[in-house]
Amino acid sequence: MRIMAVSDLHGNLERLDPSGADVVVIAGDISPLSKRGPWHINDQKKWINKKFKAWTASYPDVRFVVVPGNHDYFAIAQTLFPDVENDWSYEFSPNVNFLIDSGVEIDGVTFYGSPWVPIISHTWAFEAEHEELKNRFSKIPDGLDVLVTHAPPLIPDCDVDCSLQTDSQHFGSHELADAIFQKQPRFVFCGHIHSGQHGGVDFGSSKIYNVARVDEKYEIAYEPTWIEI
């Protein structure tokens, strides 16, 4: 199986060509977002239902494994705005598996996705405190081939979660690092911290990749990661 992995698209599908991939992994922050109000999030939902759906459908022989990120409010809009009279439903093309603390098996390869990130400002989607992060990541199965998370793990002497925007401050999740160390999935794809170390990091028997596509200015800076499994 040939996998193309990417994260942090932020609505930018330019030059993103999955031709030749069996599976495309997208590790969160899929959609564009200008502001966090309900009508801006409604526009985000429309982008998912139209542009993203059409793009994935144009590659019918490719399977997509997609996890939302902290910018992807469309996935929790119903919870955020229960009193707003709006159809918050979203849909994907049939070749997309959208994972929120869930998994899928494709041609014998197991995938599991989780969108949760440590608290940034209590205003983003899928933020969680220590105990909830610990609980969410405890559900990651043993014997997994591919783990897809939006958050990067916090690993000593590793810059996969290191942001250049804040003087190289680390923003990874130690709860996720603990879960990866315990579960040892073969591959981990994450994003969230755009300038985090790309290229792959060994952690026990796991290989961890920050696959964010844009830099801190939200401009395309990195190519997708390709692996064979």
C-alpha atoms as a PDB file:
ATOM      1  CA  MET A   1       0.000   0.000   0.000  1.00  0.00           C
ATOM      2  CA  ARG A   2       1.302   3.450  -0.942  1.00  0.00           C
ATOM      3  CA  ILE A   3       0.231   6.227   1.431  1.00  0.00           C
ATOM      4  CA  MET A   4       0.413   9.981   0.896  1.00  0.00           C
ATOM      5  CA  ALA A   5       0.147  11.920   4.160  1.00  0.00           C
ATOM      6  CA  VAL A   6      -0.497  15.620   4.642  1.00  0.00           C
ATOM      7  CA  SER A   7      -2.001  17.941   7.241  1.00  0.00           C
ATOM      8  CA  ASP A   8      -2.968  21.567   7.778  1.00  0.00           C
ATOM      9  CA  LEU A   9      -4.363  22.301   4.333  1.00  0.00           C
ATOM     10  CA  HIS A  10      -6.422  25.218   5.660  1.00  0.00           C
ATOM     11  CA  GLY A  11      -8.522  25.076   2.516  1.00  0.00           C
ATOM     12  CA  ASN A  12      -5.574  25.051   0.132  1.00  0.00           C
ATOM     13  CA  LEU A  13      -5.776  22.169  -2.354  1.00  0.00           C
ATOM     14  CA  GLU A  14      -3.390  23.806  -4.820  1.00  0.00           C
ATOM     15  CA  ARG A  15      -0.892  21.377  -6.382  1.00  0.00           C
ATOM     16  CA  LEU A  16      -2.080  18.601  -4.079  1.00  0.00           C
ATOM     17  CA  ASP A  17      -2.120  15.568  -6.351  1.00  0.00           C
ATOM     18  CA  PRO A  18      -2.740  12.126  -4.811  1.00  0.00           C
ATOM     19  CA  SER A  19      -2.324  10.296  -8.111  1.00  0.00           C
ATOM     20  CA  GLY A  20      -0.417   7.087  -7.449  1.00  0.00           C
ATOM     21  CA  ALA A  21      -1.556   6.800  -3.823  1.00  0.00           C
ATOM     22  CA  ASP A  22      -3.709   3.954  -2.553  1.00  0.00           C
ATOM     23  CA  VAL A  23      -4.590   5.934   0.566  1.00  0.00           C
ATOM     24  CA  VAL A  24      -4.340   9.647   1.360  1.00  0.00           C
ATOM     25  CA  VAL A  25      -4.097  10.564   5.049  1.00  0.00           C
ATOM     26  CA  ILE A  26      -5.106  14.095   6.075  1.00  0.00           C
ATOM     27  CA  ALA A  27      -4.283  14.835   9.718  1.00  0.00           C
ATOM     28  CA  GLY A  28      -6.563  17.783  10.420  1.00  0.00           C
ATOM     29  CA  ASP A  29      -7.147  21.465   9.713  1.00  0.00           C
ATOM     30  CA  ILE A  30      -8.661  20.593   6.368  1.00  0.00           C
ATOM     31  CA  SER A  31     -10.891  23.563   5.719  1.00  0.00           C
ATOM     32  CA  PRO A  32     -10.530  27.347   5.434  1.00  0.00           C
ATOM     33  CA  LEU A  33     -11.521  29.565   8.350  1.00  0.00           C
ATOM     34  CA  SER A  34     -11.568  33.355   8.446  1.00  0.00           C
ATOM     35  CA  LYS A  35     -13.426  33.927  11.725  1.00  0.00           C
ATOM     36  CA  ARG A  36     -15.087  31.727  14.336  1.00  0.00           C
ATOM     37  CA  GLY A  37     -18.656  33.014  14.148  1.00  0.00           C
ATOM     38  CA  PRO A  38     -21.489  30.684  13.129  1.00  0.00           C
ATOM     39  CA  TRP A  39     -21.876  32.103   9.639  1.00  0.00           C
ATOM     40  CA  HIS A  40     -18.167  31.826   8.897  1.00  0.00           C
ATOM     41  CA  ILE A  41     -18.331  28.219  10.078  1.00  0.00           C
ATOM     42  CA  ASN A  42     -21.343  27.708   7.848  1.00  0.00           C
ATOM     43  CA  ASP A  43     -19.146  28.808   4.927  1.00  0.00           C
ATOM     44  CA  GLN A  44     -16.580  26.269   6.081  1.00  0.00           C
ATOM     45  CA  LYS A  45     -19.230  23.551   6.035  1.00  0.00           C
ATOM     46  CA  LYS A  46     -20.204  24.555   2.491  1.00  0.00           C
ATOM     47  CA  TRP A  47     -16.552  24.276   1.419  1.00  0.00           C
ATOM     48  CA  ILE A  48     -16.445  20.738   2.785  1.00  0.00           C
ATOM     49  CA  ASN A  49     -19.731  19.783   1.119  1.00  0.00           C
ATOM     50  CA  LYS A  50     -18.772  21.209  -2.269  1.00  0.00           C
ATOM     51  CA  LYS A  51     -15.094  21.827  -2.988  1.00  0.00           C
ATOM     52  CA  PHE A  52     -13.513  19.177  -0.762  1.00  0.00           C
ATOM     53  CA  LYS A  53     -16.133  16.593  -1.675  1.00  0.00           C
ATOM     54  CA  ALA A  54     -15.638  17.264  -5.400  1.00  0.00           C
ATOM     55  CA  TRP A  55     -11.838  17.085  -5.041  1.00  0.00           C
ATOM     56  CA  THR A  56     -11.834  13.707  -3.265  1.00  0.00           C
ATOM     57  CA  ALA A  57     -14.509  12.352  -5.619  1.00  0.00           C
ATOM     58  CA  SER A  58     -12.260  13.204  -8.566  1.00  0.00           C
ATOM     59  CA  TYR A  59      -9.903  10.432  -7.357  1.00  0.00           C
ATOM     60  CA  PRO A  60     -12.370   7.519  -7.089  1.00  0.00           C
ATOM     61  CA  ASP A  61      -9.629   4.864  -6.885  1.00  0.00           C
ATOM     62  CA  VAL A  62      -8.003   6.523  -3.867  1.00  0.00           C
ATOM     63  CA  ARG A  63      -9.215   6.034  -0.290  1.00  0.00           C
ATOM     64  CA  PHE A  64      -8.998   9.055   2.004  1.00  0.00           C
ATOM     65  CA  VAL A  65      -8.500   8.802   5.776  1.00  0.00           C
ATOM     66  CA  VAL A  66      -9.340  12.195   7.250  1.00  0.00           C
ATOM     67  CA  VAL A  67      -9.212  13.519  10.823  1.00  0.00           C
ATOM     68  CA  PRO A  68     -10.420  17.026  11.758  1.00  0.00           C
ATOM     69  CA  GLY A  69      -8.234  19.559  13.547  1.00  0.00           C
ATOM     70  CA  ASN A  70      -8.711  22.495  15.893  1.00  0.00           C
ATOM     71  CA  HIS A  71      -9.675  24.787  12.973  1.00  0.00           C
ATOM     72  CA  ASP A  72     -12.350  22.392  11.704  1.00  0.00           C
ATOM     73  CA  TYR A  73     -15.351  23.780  13.549  1.00  0.00           C
ATOM     74  CA  PHE A  74     -17.738  22.360  10.960  1.00  0.00           C
ATOM     75  CA  ALA A  75     -17.344  18.953  12.648  1.00  0.00           C
ATOM     76  CA  ILE A  76     -18.692  20.202  16.001  1.00  0.00           C
ATOM     77  CA  ALA A  77     -20.851  23.151  14.904  1.00  0.00           C
ATOM     78  CA  GLN A  78     -24.059  21.469  16.058  1.00  0.00           C
ATOM     79  CA  THR A  79     -22.622  21.251  19.577  1.00  0.00           C
ATOM     80  CA  LEU A  80     -21.222  24.781  19.541  1.00  0.00           C
ATOM     81  CA  PHE A  81     -24.335  26.460  18.174  1.00  0.00           C
ATOM     82  CA  PRO A  82     -27.364  24.374  19.208  1.00  0.00           C
ATOM     83  CA  ASP A  83     -29.634  27.432  19.196  1.00  0.00           C
ATOM     84  CA  VAL A  84     -28.685  28.634  15.719  1.00  0.00           C
ATOM     85  CA  GLU A  85     -31.275  27.629  13.150  1.00  0.00           C
ATOM     86  CA  ASN A  86     -29.050  26.171  10.467  1.00  0.00           C
ATOM     87  CA  ASP A  87     -28.413  22.868   8.780  1.00  0.00           C
ATOM     88  CA  TRP A  88     -24.954  22.006  10.092  1.00  0.00           C
ATOM     89  CA  SER A  89     -24.806  18.649   8.321  1.00  0.00           C
ATOM     90  CA  TYR A  90     -21.765  17.870   6.209  1.00  0.00           C
ATOM     91  CA  GLU A  91     -20.971  15.050   3.842  1.00  0.00           C
ATOM     92  CA  PHE A  92     -18.022  13.454   2.109  1.00  0.00           C
ATOM     93  CA  SER A  93     -17.606  11.444  -1.037  1.00  0.00           C
ATOM     94  CA  PRO A  94     -17.902   7.646  -0.627  1.00  0.00           C
ATOM     95  CA  ASN A  95     -14.128   7.147  -0.729  1.00  0.00           C
ATOM     96  CA  VAL A  96     -13.567   9.249   2.420  1.00  0.00           C
ATOM     97  CA  ASN A  97     -13.315   7.780   5.930  1.00  0.00           C
ATOM     98  CA  PHE A  98     -13.766  10.605   8.444  1.00  0.00           C
ATOM     99  CA  LEU A  99     -12.357   9.492  11.793  1.00  0.00           C
ATOM    100  CA  ILE A 100     -13.097  11.020  15.188  1.00  0.00           C
ATOM    101  CA  ASP A 101     -11.800   8.613  17.851  1.00  0.00           C
ATOM    102  CA  SER A 102     -12.532   5.767  15.475  1.00  0.00           C
ATOM    103  CA  GLY A 103     -10.793   3.476  13.060  1.00  0.00           C
ATOM    104  CA  VAL A 104     -11.025   1.740   9.705  1.00  0.00           C
ATOM    105  CA  GLU A 105      -9.284  -1.164   7.996  1.00  0.00           C
ATOM    106  CA  ILE A 106      -8.324  -0.785   4.337  1.00  0.00           C
ATOM    107  CA  ASP A 107      -6.889  -3.767   2.468  1.00  0.00           C
ATOM    108  CA  GLY A 108      -5.676  -5.283   5.714  1.00  0.00           C
ATOM    109  CA  VAL A 109      -4.029  -2.076   6.988  1.00  0.00           C
ATOM    110  CA  THR A 110      -5.510  -0.609  10.185  1.00  0.00           C
ATOM    111  CA  PHE A 111      -5.986   3.143  10.699  1.00  0.00           C
ATOM    112  CA  TYR A 112      -7.190   5.078  13.747  1.00  0.00           C
ATOM    113  CA  GLY A 113      -7.795   8.813  13.989  1.00  0.00           C
ATOM    114  CA  SER A 114      -8.155  11.293  16.847  1.00  0.00           C
ATOM    115  CA  PRO A 115      -8.468  15.099  16.532  1.00  0.00           C
ATOM    116  CA  TRP A 116      -7.789  16.259  20.108  1.00  0.00           C
ATOM    117  CA  VAL A 117      -5.169  18.867  21.012  1.00  0.00           C
ATOM    118  CA  PRO A 118      -3.982  20.410  24.299  1.00  0.00           C
ATOM    119  CA  ILE A 119      -5.715  23.615  25.364  1.00  0.00           C
ATOM    120  CA  ILE A 120      -4.598  26.647  23.390  1.00  0.00           C
ATOM    121  CA  SER A 121      -7.110  29.312  24.400  1.00  0.00           C
ATOM    122  CA  HIS A 122     -10.368  27.479  25.212  1.00  0.00           C
ATOM    123  CA  THR A 123     -11.814  28.812  21.941  1.00  0.00           C
ATOM    124  CA  TRP A 124     -10.708  26.224  19.373  1.00  0.00           C
ATOM    125  CA  ALA A 125     -12.341  23.007  18.268  1.00  0.00           C
ATOM    126  CA  PHE A 126     -11.294  19.682  19.831  1.00  0.00           C
ATOM    127  CA  GLU A 127      -9.298  21.212  22.698  1.00  0.00           C
ATOM    128  CA  ALA A 128      -9.076  19.129  25.866  1.00  0.00           C
ATOM    129  CA  GLU A 129      -7.552  19.218  29.323  1.00  0.00           C
ATOM    130  CA  HIS A 130      -5.099  16.623  30.641  1.00  0.00           C
ATOM    131  CA  GLU A 131      -7.583  14.010  31.890  1.00  0.00           C
ATOM    132  CA  GLU A 132      -9.727  14.120  28.775  1.00  0.00           C
ATOM    133  CA  LEU A 133      -6.676  13.870  26.522  1.00  0.00           C
ATOM    134  CA  LYS A 134      -5.493  10.891  28.537  1.00  0.00           C
ATOM    135  CA  ASN A 135      -8.920   9.269  28.227  1.00  0.00           C
ATOM    136  CA  ARG A 136      -9.242   9.969  24.489  1.00  0.00           C
ATOM    137  CA  PHE A 137      -5.801   8.645  23.628  1.00  0.00           C
ATOM    138  CA  SER A 138      -6.257   5.578  25.848  1.00  0.00           C
ATOM    139  CA  LYS A 139      -8.744   4.339  23.232  1.00  0.00           C
ATOM    140  CA  ILE A 140      -6.023   4.013  20.587  1.00  0.00           C
ATOM    141  CA  PRO A 141      -5.908   0.281  19.744  1.00  0.00           C
ATOM    142  CA  ASP A 142      -2.905  -1.973  20.184  1.00  0.00           C
ATOM    143  CA  GLY A 143      -1.284  -3.437  17.092  1.00  0.00           C
ATOM    144  CA  LEU A 144      -2.170  -0.458  14.928  1.00  0.00           C
ATOM    145  CA  ASP A 145      -0.560   0.161  11.556  1.00  0.00           C
ATOM    146  CA  VAL A 146      -1.313   3.878  11.154  1.00  0.00           C
ATOM    147  CA  LEU A 147      -2.279   6.404  13.835  1.00  0.00           C
ATOM    148  CA  VAL A 148      -3.538   9.768  12.583  1.00  0.00           C
ATOM    149  CA  THR A 149      -3.715  12.620  15.102  1.00  0.00           C
ATOM    150  CA  HIS A 150      -3.929  16.351  14.679  1.00  0.00           C
ATOM    151  CA  ALA A 151      -1.775  17.020  17.730  1.00  0.00           C
ATOM    152  CA  PRO A 152       1.887  16.045  17.686  1.00  0.00           C
ATOM    153  CA  PRO A 153       3.306  14.169  20.670  1.00  0.00           C
ATOM    154  CA  LEU A 154       5.662  15.865  23.107  1.00  0.00           C
ATOM    155  CA  ILE A 155       8.884  13.863  22.985  1.00  0.00           C
ATOM    156  CA  PRO A 156      12.159  14.905  24.660  1.00  0.00           C
ATOM    157  CA  ASP A 157      14.920  15.937  22.241  1.00  0.00           C
ATOM    158  CA  CYS A 158      12.476  16.020  19.328  1.00  0.00           C
ATOM    159  CA  ASP A 159      11.165  19.058  17.449  1.00  0.00           C
ATOM    160  CA  VAL A 160       8.142  17.479  15.757  1.00  0.00           C
ATOM    161  CA  ASP A 161       5.968  19.768  17.923  1.00  0.00           C
ATOM    162  CA  CYS A 162       8.251  22.817  17.932  1.00  0.00           C
ATOM    163  CA  SER A 163       6.872  26.155  16.684  1.00  0.00           C
ATOM    164  CA  LEU A 164       9.231  28.722  15.207  1.00  0.00           C
ATOM    165  CA  GLN A 165       6.497  31.294  15.657  1.00  0.00           C
ATOM    166  CA  THR A 166       6.987  31.264  19.425  1.00  0.00           C
ATOM    167  CA  ASP A 167      10.757  31.047  19.813  1.00  0.00           C
ATOM    168  CA  SER A 168      10.847  27.272  19.338  1.00  0.00           C
ATOM    169  CA  GLN A 169       8.296  26.590  22.076  1.00  0.00           C
ATOM    170  CA  HIS A 170       6.939  23.045  22.201  1.00  0.00           C
ATOM    171  CA  PHE A 171       3.196  22.451  21.879  1.00  0.00           C
ATOM    172  CA  GLY A 172       2.926  18.672  21.784  1.00  0.00           C
ATOM    173  CA  SER A 173       0.843  16.411  23.988  1.00  0.00           C
ATOM    174  CA  HIS A 174       2.673  14.311  26.539  1.00  0.00           C
ATOM    175  CA  GLU A 175      -0.547  12.297  26.933  1.00  0.00           C
ATOM    176  CA  LEU A 176      -0.293  11.368  23.255  1.00  0.00           C
ATOM    177  CA  ALA A 177       3.407  10.568  23.616  1.00  0.00           C
ATOM    178  CA  ASP A 178       2.582   8.220  26.502  1.00  0.00           C
ATOM    179  CA  ALA A 179      -0.115   6.501  24.438  1.00  0.00           C
ATOM    180  CA  ILE A 180       2.193   6.086  21.433  1.00  0.00           C
ATOM    181  CA  PHE A 181       4.936   4.676  23.674  1.00  0.00           C
ATOM    182  CA  GLN A 182       2.460   2.172  25.148  1.00  0.00           C
ATOM    183  CA  LYS A 183       0.640   1.220  21.930  1.00  0.00           C
ATOM    184  CA  GLN A 184       3.571   1.493  19.469  1.00  0.00           C
ATOM    185  CA  PRO A 185       1.689   2.006  16.189  1.00  0.00           C
ATOM    186  CA  ARG A 186       3.929   1.468  13.173  1.00  0.00           C
ATOM    187  CA  PHE A 187       3.368   4.949  11.742  1.00  0.00           C
ATOM    188  CA  VAL A 188       2.027   8.180  13.260  1.00  0.00           C
ATOM    189  CA  PHE A 189       0.972  11.146  11.124  1.00  0.00           C
ATOM    190  CA  CYS A 190       0.266  14.482  12.811  1.00  0.00           C
ATOM    191  CA  GLY A 191       0.353  18.214  12.137  1.00  0.00           C
ATOM    192  CA  HIS A 192      -1.030  21.203  14.070  1.00  0.00           C
ATOM    193  CA  ILE A 193       2.391  22.825  14.611  1.00  0.00           C
ATOM    194  CA  HIS A 194       3.237  23.936  11.091  1.00  0.00           C
ATOM    195  CA  SER A 195       6.979  24.392  11.493  1.00  0.00           C
ATOM    196  CA  GLY A 196       7.503  21.240  13.517  1.00  0.00           C
ATOM    197  CA  GLN A 197      10.304  18.942  12.416  1.00  0.00           C
ATOM    198  CA  HIS A 198       9.405  17.181   9.168  1.00  0.00           C
ATOM    199  CA  GLY A 199      11.018  14.042   7.797  1.00  0.00           C
ATOM    200  CA  GLY A 200      10.212  11.385  10.370  1.00  0.00           C
ATOM    201  CA  VAL A 201      11.245  10.662  13.959  1.00  0.00           C
ATOM    202  CA  ASP A 202      11.837   7.246  15.528  1.00  0.00           C
ATOM    203  CA  PHE A 203      10.092   6.707  18.857  1.00  0.00           C
ATOM    204  CA  GLY A 204      10.447   3.143  20.047  1.00  0.00           C
ATOM    205  CA  SER A 205       9.180   1.038  17.164  1.00  0.00           C
ATOM    206  CA  SER A 206       6.952   3.883  15.890  1.00  0.00           C
ATOM    207  CA  LYS A 207       7.853   6.319  13.120  1.00  0.00           C
ATOM    208  CA  ILE A 208       6.319   9.764  13.668  1.00  0.00           C
ATOM    209  CA  TYR A 209       5.832  12.316  10.901  1.00  0.00           C
ATOM    210  CA  ASN A 210       4.725  15.926  11.146  1.00  0.00           C
ATOM    211  CA  VAL A 211       3.056  16.330   7.748  1.00  0.00           C
ATOM    212  CA  ALA A 212       1.811  19.941   7.965  1.00  0.00           C
ATOM    213  CA  ARG A 213       1.758  21.476   4.499  1.00  0.00           C
ATOM    214  CA  VAL A 214       1.838  25.196   5.285  1.00  0.00           C
ATOM    215  CA  ASP A 215       4.229  27.336   7.300  1.00  0.00           C
ATOM    216  CA  GLU A 216       3.398  29.783  10.088  1.00  0.00           C
ATOM    217  CA  LYS A 217       2.240  32.320   7.482  1.00  0.00           C
ATOM    218  CA  TYR A 218      -0.201  29.756   6.070  1.00  0.00           C
ATOM    219  CA  GLU A 219       1.741  29.528   2.826  1.00  0.00           C
ATOM    220  CA  ILE A 220       2.582  26.196   1.191  1.00  0.00           C
ATOM    221  CA  ALA A 221       6.026  25.199   2.436  1.00  0.00           C
ATOM    222  CA  TYR A 222       6.190  21.400   2.606  1.00  0.00           C
ATOM    223  CA  GLU A 223       5.452  18.561   0.211  1.00  0.00           C
ATOM    224  CA  PRO A 224       3.306  15.603   1.267  1.00  0.00           C
ATOM    225  CA  THR A 225       5.012  12.593   2.857  1.00  0.00           C
ATOM    226  CA  TRP A 226       4.912   9.304   0.976  1.00  0.00           C
ATOM    227  CA  ILE A 227       5.441   5.886   2.558  1.00  0.00           C
ATOM    228  CA  GLU A 228       5.016   2.241   1.599  1.00  0.00           C
ATOM    229  CA  ILE A 229       3.395  -0.098   4.083  1.00  0.00           C
END
